[in-house]
Amino acid sequence: MGKKDIIIIVAVLAALGFSLYRKYMKKNQGKGSSGSGTQSGSSFSSSSKDDDYEPYSKK
Protein backbone atom coordinates (compact mmCIF):
# COMPACT_ATOMS: atom_id res chain seq x y z
CA MET A 1 0.00 0.00 0.00
CA GLY A 2 1.37 3.29 -1.01
CA LYS A 3 0.78 6.70 0.38
CA LYS A 4 -1.71 7.40 -2.40
CA ASP A 5 -3.84 4.35 -1.49
CA ILE A 6 -4.03 5.36 2.16
CA ILE A 7 -5.10 8.89 1.26
CA ILE A 8 -7.84 7.54 -1.04
CA ILE A 9 -9.13 5.15 1.65
CA VAL A 10 -9.23 7.90 4.27
CA ALA A 11 -11.06 10.23 1.87
CA VAL A 12 -13.64 7.55 1.05
CA LEU A 13 -14.22 6.78 4.73
CA ALA A 14 -14.60 10.49 5.52
CA ALA A 15 -17.11 10.93 2.69
CA LEU A 16 -19.06 7.89 3.87
CA GLY A 17 -19.11 9.16 7.44
CA PHE A 18 -20.30 12.59 6.34
CA SER A 19 -23.02 11.01 4.21
CA LEU A 20 -24.28 8.93 7.13
CA TYR A 21 -24.16 11.99 9.39
CA ARG A 22 -26.34 13.99 6.97
CA LYS A 23 -28.79 11.09 6.68
CA TYR A 24 -29.04 10.84 10.48
CA MET A 25 -29.58 14.58 10.85
CA LYS A 26 -32.37 14.57 8.23
CA LYS A 27 -34.05 11.70 10.03
CA ASN A 28 -34.04 13.51 13.40
CA GLN A 29 -34.96 16.90 11.96
CA GLY A 30 -38.60 15.89 11.36
CA LYS A 31 -39.18 14.90 14.99
CA GLY A 32 -38.99 18.43 16.38
CA SER A 33 -37.27 19.64 19.49
CA SER A 34 -39.56 17.90 21.98
CA GLY A 35 -39.10 14.43 20.50
CA SER A 36 -35.35 14.37 20.30
CA GLY A 37 -35.21 10.77 21.47
CA THR A 38 -33.28 11.37 24.66
CA GLN A 39 -34.75 11.72 28.08
CA SER A 40 -33.13 13.71 30.81
CA GLY A 41 -33.70 12.55 34.32
CA SER A 42 -33.94 9.36 36.22
CA SER A 43 -35.63 6.19 35.09
CA PHE A 44 -37.27 5.95 38.51
CA SER A 45 -40.30 7.92 39.54
CA SER A 46 -39.47 11.03 41.53
CA SER A 47 -42.78 11.02 43.35
CA SER A 48 -42.74 8.93 46.49
CA LYS A 49 -45.62 6.56 47.08
CA ASP A 50 -46.92 6.19 50.60
CA ASP A 51 -47.32 2.41 50.65
CA ASP A 52 -45.73 1.79 54.07
CA TYR A 53 -42.97 -0.35 52.58
CA GLU A 54 -39.98 -0.63 54.85
CA PRO A 55 -37.39 -3.02 53.40
CA TYR A 56 -35.42 -3.56 56.62
CA SER A 57 -38.27 -3.71 59.11
CA LYS A 58 -38.35 -7.57 59.20
CA LYS A 59 -42.15 -7.75 59.16
PDB file of N, CA and C in Angstrom:
ATOM      1  N   MET A   1       0.852  -1.180   0.000  1.00  0.00           N
ATOM      2  CA  MET A   1       0.000   0.000   0.000  1.00  0.00           C
ATOM      3  C   MET A   1       0.893   1.236   0.000  1.00  0.00           C
ATOM      4  N   GLY A   2       0.593   2.062  -0.934  1.00  0.00           N
ATOM      5  CA  GLY A   2       1.367   3.286  -1.006  1.00  0.00           C
ATOM      6  C   GLY A   2       0.653   4.420  -0.286  1.00  0.00           C
ATOM      7  N   LYS A   3       1.326   5.513  -0.274  1.00  0.00           N
ATOM      8  CA  LYS A   3       0.784   6.702   0.383  1.00  0.00           C
ATOM      9  C   LYS A   3      -0.502   7.156  -0.307  1.00  0.00           C
ATOM     10  N   LYS A   4      -0.543   7.009  -1.620  1.00  0.00           N
ATOM     11  CA  LYS A   4      -1.710   7.402  -2.404  1.00  0.00           C
ATOM     12  C   LYS A   4      -2.936   6.553  -2.033  1.00  0.00           C
ATOM     13  N   ASP A   5      -2.742   5.255  -1.854  1.00  0.00           N
ATOM     14  CA  ASP A   5      -3.839   4.353  -1.493  1.00  0.00           C
ATOM     15  C   ASP A   5      -4.425   4.701  -0.130  1.00  0.00           C
ATOM     16  N   ILE A   6      -3.565   5.009   0.813  1.00  0.00           N
ATOM     17  CA  ILE A   6      -4.026   5.357   2.165  1.00  0.00           C
ATOM     18  C   ILE A   6      -4.831   6.650   2.141  1.00  0.00           C
ATOM     19  N   ILE A   7      -4.371   7.623   1.362  1.00  0.00           N
ATOM     20  CA  ILE A   7      -5.101   8.890   1.260  1.00  0.00           C
ATOM     21  C   ILE A   7      -6.475   8.669   0.631  1.00  0.00           C
ATOM     22  N   ILE A   8      -6.557   7.832  -0.380  1.00  0.00           N
ATOM     23  CA  ILE A   8      -7.841   7.536  -1.036  1.00  0.00           C
ATOM     24  C   ILE A   8      -8.783   6.836  -0.068  1.00  0.00           C
ATOM     25  N   ILE A   9      -8.295   5.878   0.687  1.00  0.00           N
ATOM     26  CA  ILE A   9      -9.133   5.146   1.648  1.00  0.00           C
ATOM     27  C   ILE A   9      -9.657   6.081   2.725  1.00  0.00           C
ATOM     28  N   VAL A  10      -8.807   6.951   3.247  1.00  0.00           N
ATOM     29  CA  VAL A  10      -9.227   7.902   4.273  1.00  0.00           C
ATOM     30  C   VAL A  10     -10.270   8.859   3.712  1.00  0.00           C
ATOM     31  N   ALA A  11     -10.093   9.325   2.484  1.00  0.00           N
ATOM     32  CA  ALA A  11     -11.055  10.232   1.865  1.00  0.00           C
ATOM     33  C   ALA A  11     -12.407   9.550   1.662  1.00  0.00           C
ATOM     34  N   VAL A  12     -12.390   8.289   1.251  1.00  0.00           N
ATOM     35  CA  VAL A  12     -13.640   7.547   1.048  1.00  0.00           C
ATOM     36  C   VAL A  12     -14.348   7.334   2.378  1.00  0.00           C
ATOM     37  N   LEU A  13     -13.608   6.981   3.414  1.00  0.00           N
ATOM     38  CA  LEU A  13     -14.221   6.781   4.727  1.00  0.00           C
ATOM     39  C   LEU A  13     -14.784   8.090   5.284  1.00  0.00           C
ATOM     40  N   ALA A  14     -14.094   9.196   5.061  1.00  0.00           N
ATOM     41  CA  ALA A  14     -14.596  10.490   5.521  1.00  0.00           C
ATOM     42  C   ALA A  14     -15.874  10.865   4.775  1.00  0.00           C
ATOM     43  N   ALA A  15     -15.908  10.632   3.467  1.00  0.00           N
ATOM     44  CA  ALA A  15     -17.111  10.929   2.687  1.00  0.00           C
ATOM     45  C   ALA A  15     -18.278  10.053   3.128  1.00  0.00           C
ATOM     46  N   LEU A  16     -18.014   8.793   3.409  1.00  0.00           N
ATOM     47  CA  LEU A  16     -19.056   7.886   3.872  1.00  0.00           C
ATOM     48  C   LEU A  16     -19.584   8.315   5.238  1.00  0.00           C
ATOM     49  N   GLY A  17     -18.694   8.691   6.124  1.00  0.00           N
ATOM     50  CA  GLY A  17     -19.109   9.159   7.442  1.00  0.00           C
ATOM     51  C   GLY A  17     -19.937  10.420   7.363  1.00  0.00           C
ATOM     52  N   PHE A  18     -19.537  11.346   6.506  1.00  0.00           N
ATOM     53  CA  PHE A  18     -20.300  12.585   6.343  1.00  0.00           C
ATOM     54  C   PHE A  18     -21.671  12.310   5.747  1.00  0.00           C
ATOM     55  N   SER A  19     -21.739  11.382   4.819  1.00  0.00           N
ATOM     56  CA  SER A  19     -23.021  11.013   4.211  1.00  0.00           C
ATOM     57  C   SER A  19     -23.966  10.410   5.250  1.00  0.00           C
ATOM     58  N   LEU A  20     -23.450   9.529   6.080  1.00  0.00           N
ATOM     59  CA  LEU A  20     -24.278   8.932   7.133  1.00  0.00           C
ATOM     60  C   LEU A  20     -24.709   9.972   8.159  1.00  0.00           C
ATOM     61  N   TYR A  21     -23.839  10.920   8.458  1.00  0.00           N
ATOM     62  CA  TYR A  21     -24.162  11.989   9.391  1.00  0.00           C
ATOM     63  C   TYR A  21     -25.311  12.836   8.849  1.00  0.00           C
ATOM     64  N   ARG A  22     -25.254  13.202   7.569  1.00  0.00           N
ATOM     65  CA  ARG A  22     -26.339  13.993   6.969  1.00  0.00           C
ATOM     66  C   ARG A  22     -27.643  13.217   6.976  1.00  0.00           C
ATOM     67  N   LYS A  23     -27.589  11.922   6.689  1.00  0.00           N
ATOM     68  CA  LYS A  23     -28.792  11.086   6.684  1.00  0.00           C
ATOM     69  C   LYS A  23     -29.402  11.035   8.082  1.00  0.00           C
ATOM     70  N   TYR A  24     -28.566  10.891   9.100  1.00  0.00           N
ATOM     71  CA  TYR A  24     -29.036  10.837  10.478  1.00  0.00           C
ATOM     72  C   TYR A  24     -29.661  12.163  10.896  1.00  0.00           C
ATOM     73  N   MET A  25     -29.055  13.270  10.487  1.00  0.00           N
ATOM     74  CA  MET A  25     -29.583  14.581  10.850  1.00  0.00           C
ATOM     75  C   MET A  25     -30.920  14.846  10.155  1.00  0.00           C
ATOM     76  N   LYS A  26     -31.082  14.423   8.925  1.00  0.00           N
ATOM     77  CA  LYS A  26     -32.367  14.575   8.233  1.00  0.00           C
ATOM     78  C   LYS A  26     -33.448  13.761   8.926  1.00  0.00           C
ATOM     79  N   LYS A  27     -33.096  12.586   9.374  1.00  0.00           N
ATOM     80  CA  LYS A  27     -34.050  11.700  10.035  1.00  0.00           C
ATOM     81  C   LYS A  27     -34.546  12.311  11.334  1.00  0.00           C
ATOM     82  N   ASN A  28     -33.672  12.919  12.121  1.00  0.00           N
ATOM     83  CA  ASN A  28     -34.044  13.510  13.399  1.00  0.00           C
ATOM     84  C   ASN A  28     -34.635  14.901  13.260  1.00  0.00           C
ATOM     85  N   GLN A  29     -34.471  15.541  12.124  1.00  0.00           N
ATOM     86  CA  GLN A  29     -34.964  16.895  11.956  1.00  0.00           C
ATOM     87  C   GLN A  29     -36.485  16.941  11.940  1.00  0.00           C
ATOM     88  N   GLY A  30     -37.149  15.913  11.447  1.00  0.00           N
ATOM     89  CA  GLY A  30     -38.598  15.890  11.363  1.00  0.00           C
ATOM     90  C   GLY A  30     -39.284  15.658  12.693  1.00  0.00           C
ATOM     91  N   LYS A  31     -38.577  15.213  13.693  1.00  0.00           N
ATOM     92  CA  LYS A  31     -39.184  14.904  14.987  1.00  0.00           C
ATOM     93  C   LYS A  31     -39.469  16.140  15.820  1.00  0.00           C
ATOM     94  N   GLY A  32     -38.796  17.224  15.582  1.00  0.00           N
ATOM     95  CA  GLY A  32     -38.988  18.432  16.378  1.00  0.00           C
ATOM     96  C   GLY A  32     -38.114  18.426  17.605  1.00  0.00           C
ATOM     97  N   SER A  33     -38.157  19.512  18.342  1.00  0.00           N
ATOM     98  CA  SER A  33     -37.270  19.638  19.490  1.00  0.00           C
ATOM     99  C   SER A  33     -37.758  18.836  20.689  1.00  0.00           C
ATOM    100  N   SER A  34     -39.070  18.619  20.813  1.00  0.00           N
ATOM    101  CA  SER A  34     -39.561  17.904  21.983  1.00  0.00           C
ATOM    102  C   SER A  34     -39.351  16.398  21.871  1.00  0.00           C
ATOM    103  N   GLY A  35     -39.282  15.864  20.688  1.00  0.00           N
ATOM    104  CA  GLY A  35     -39.101  14.428  20.500  1.00  0.00           C
ATOM    105  C   GLY A  35     -37.710  14.088  20.050  1.00  0.00           C
ATOM    106  N   SER A  36     -36.724  14.573  20.730  1.00  0.00           N
ATOM    107  CA  SER A  36     -35.347  14.374  20.300  1.00  0.00           C
ATOM    108  C   SER A  36     -34.862  12.946  20.525  1.00  0.00           C
ATOM    109  N   GLY A  37     -35.593  12.151  21.275  1.00  0.00           N
ATOM    110  CA  GLY A  37     -35.208  10.771  21.470  1.00  0.00           C
ATOM    111  C   GLY A  37     -34.431  10.522  22.745  1.00  0.00           C
ATOM    112  N   THR A  38     -33.995  11.552  23.405  1.00  0.00           N
ATOM    113  CA  THR A  38     -33.277  11.371  24.660  1.00  0.00           C
ATOM    114  C   THR A  38     -34.116  11.910  25.796  1.00  0.00           C
ATOM    115  N   GLN A  39     -34.011  11.279  26.910  1.00  0.00           N
ATOM    116  CA  GLN A  39     -34.748  11.723  28.082  1.00  0.00           C
ATOM    117  C   GLN A  39     -33.749  12.141  29.137  1.00  0.00           C
ATOM    118  N   SER A  40     -33.992  13.297  29.716  1.00  0.00           N
ATOM    119  CA  SER A  40     -33.130  13.710  30.807  1.00  0.00           C
ATOM    120  C   SER A  40     -33.843  13.389  32.109  1.00  0.00           C
ATOM    121  N   GLY A  41     -33.107  12.880  33.039  1.00  0.00           N
ATOM    122  CA  GLY A  41     -33.700  12.550  34.316  1.00  0.00           C
ATOM    123  C   GLY A  41     -33.525  11.086  34.638  1.00  0.00           C
ATOM    124  N   SER A  42     -34.096  10.711  35.729  1.00  0.00           N
ATOM    125  CA  SER A  42     -33.940   9.359  36.219  1.00  0.00           C
ATOM    126  C   SER A  42     -34.971   8.431  35.610  1.00  0.00           C
ATOM    127  N   SER A  43     -34.662   7.151  35.580  1.00  0.00           N
ATOM    128  CA  SER A  43     -35.628   6.186  35.087  1.00  0.00           C
ATOM    129  C   SER A  43     -36.612   5.788  36.180  1.00  0.00           C
ATOM    130  N   PHE A  44     -36.367   6.223  37.403  1.00  0.00           N
ATOM    131  CA  PHE A  44     -37.269   5.948  38.506  1.00  0.00           C
ATOM    132  C   PHE A  44     -38.190   7.135  38.730  1.00  0.00           C
ATOM    133  N   SER A  45     -39.342   6.861  39.279  1.00  0.00           N
ATOM    134  CA  SER A  45     -40.298   7.916  39.543  1.00  0.00           C
ATOM    135  C   SER A  45     -39.802   8.806  40.677  1.00  0.00           C
ATOM    136  N   SER A  46     -39.945  10.117  40.497  1.00  0.00           N
ATOM    137  CA  SER A  46     -39.469  11.032  41.526  1.00  0.00           C
ATOM    138  C   SER A  46     -40.512  11.244  42.617  1.00  0.00           C
ATOM    139  N   SER A  47     -41.747  10.870  42.328  1.00  0.00           N
ATOM    140  CA  SER A  47     -42.779  11.025  43.345  1.00  0.00           C
ATOM    141  C   SER A  47     -42.764   9.806  44.265  1.00  0.00           C
ATOM    142  N   SER A  48     -42.766  10.035  45.554  1.00  0.00           N
ATOM    143  CA  SER A  48     -42.740   8.927  46.491  1.00  0.00           C
ATOM    144  C   SER A  48     -44.162   8.450  46.756  1.00  0.00           C
ATOM    145  N   LYS A  49     -44.309   7.154  46.817  1.00  0.00           N
ATOM    146  CA  LYS A  49     -45.617   6.565  47.078  1.00  0.00           C
ATOM    147  C   LYS A  49     -45.672   6.183  48.550  1.00  0.00           C
ATOM    148  N   ASP A  50     -46.758   6.507  49.180  1.00  0.00           N
ATOM    149  CA  ASP A  50     -46.924   6.195  50.597  1.00  0.00           C
ATOM    150  C   ASP A  50     -47.575   4.819  50.705  1.00  0.00           C
ATOM    151  N   ASP A  51     -46.783   3.771  50.585  1.00  0.00           N
ATOM    152  CA  ASP A  51     -47.321   2.411  50.646  1.00  0.00           C
ATOM    153  C   ASP A  51     -46.837   1.666  51.886  1.00  0.00           C
ATOM    154  N   ASP A  52     -46.201   2.360  52.813  1.00  0.00           N
ATOM    155  CA  ASP A  52     -45.726   1.786  54.074  1.00  0.00           C
ATOM    156  C   ASP A  52     -44.757   0.632  53.851  1.00  0.00           C
ATOM    157  N   TYR A  53     -43.961   0.683  52.835  1.00  0.00           N
ATOM    158  CA  TYR A  53     -42.973  -0.349  52.582  1.00  0.00           C
ATOM    159  C   TYR A  53     -41.670   0.025  53.261  1.00  0.00           C
ATOM    160  N   GLU A  54     -41.230  -0.824  54.151  1.00  0.00           N
ATOM    161  CA  GLU A  54     -39.978  -0.633  54.851  1.00  0.00           C
ATOM    162  C   GLU A  54     -39.139  -1.875  54.634  1.00  0.00           C
ATOM    163  N   PRO A  55     -38.118  -1.817  53.797  1.00  0.00           N
ATOM    164  CA  PRO A  55     -37.395  -3.020  53.405  1.00  0.00           C
ATOM    165  C   PRO A  55     -36.624  -3.693  54.535  1.00  0.00           C
ATOM    166  N   TYR A  56     -36.221  -2.965  55.568  1.00  0.00           N
ATOM    167  CA  TYR A  56     -35.424  -3.560  56.617  1.00  0.00           C
ATOM    168  C   TYR A  56     -36.183  -3.662  57.946  1.00  0.00           C
ATOM    169  N   SER A  57     -37.496  -3.679  57.878  1.00  0.00           N
ATOM    170  CA  SER A  57     -38.267  -3.705  59.113  1.00  0.00           C
ATOM    171  C   SER A  57     -38.497  -5.129  59.636  1.00  0.00           C
ATOM    172  N   LYS A  58     -38.194  -6.154  58.838  1.00  0.00           N
ATOM    173  CA  LYS A  58     -38.354  -7.573  59.196  1.00  0.00           C
ATOM    174  C   LYS A  58     -39.781  -7.892  59.641  1.00  0.00           C
ATOM    175  N   LYS A  59     -40.736  -7.459  58.856  1.00  0.00           N
ATOM    176  CA  LYS A  59     -42.147  -7.753  59.161  1.00  0.00           C
ATOM    177  C   LYS A  59     -42.517  -9.145  58.713  1.00  0.00           C
TER     178      LYS A  59
END
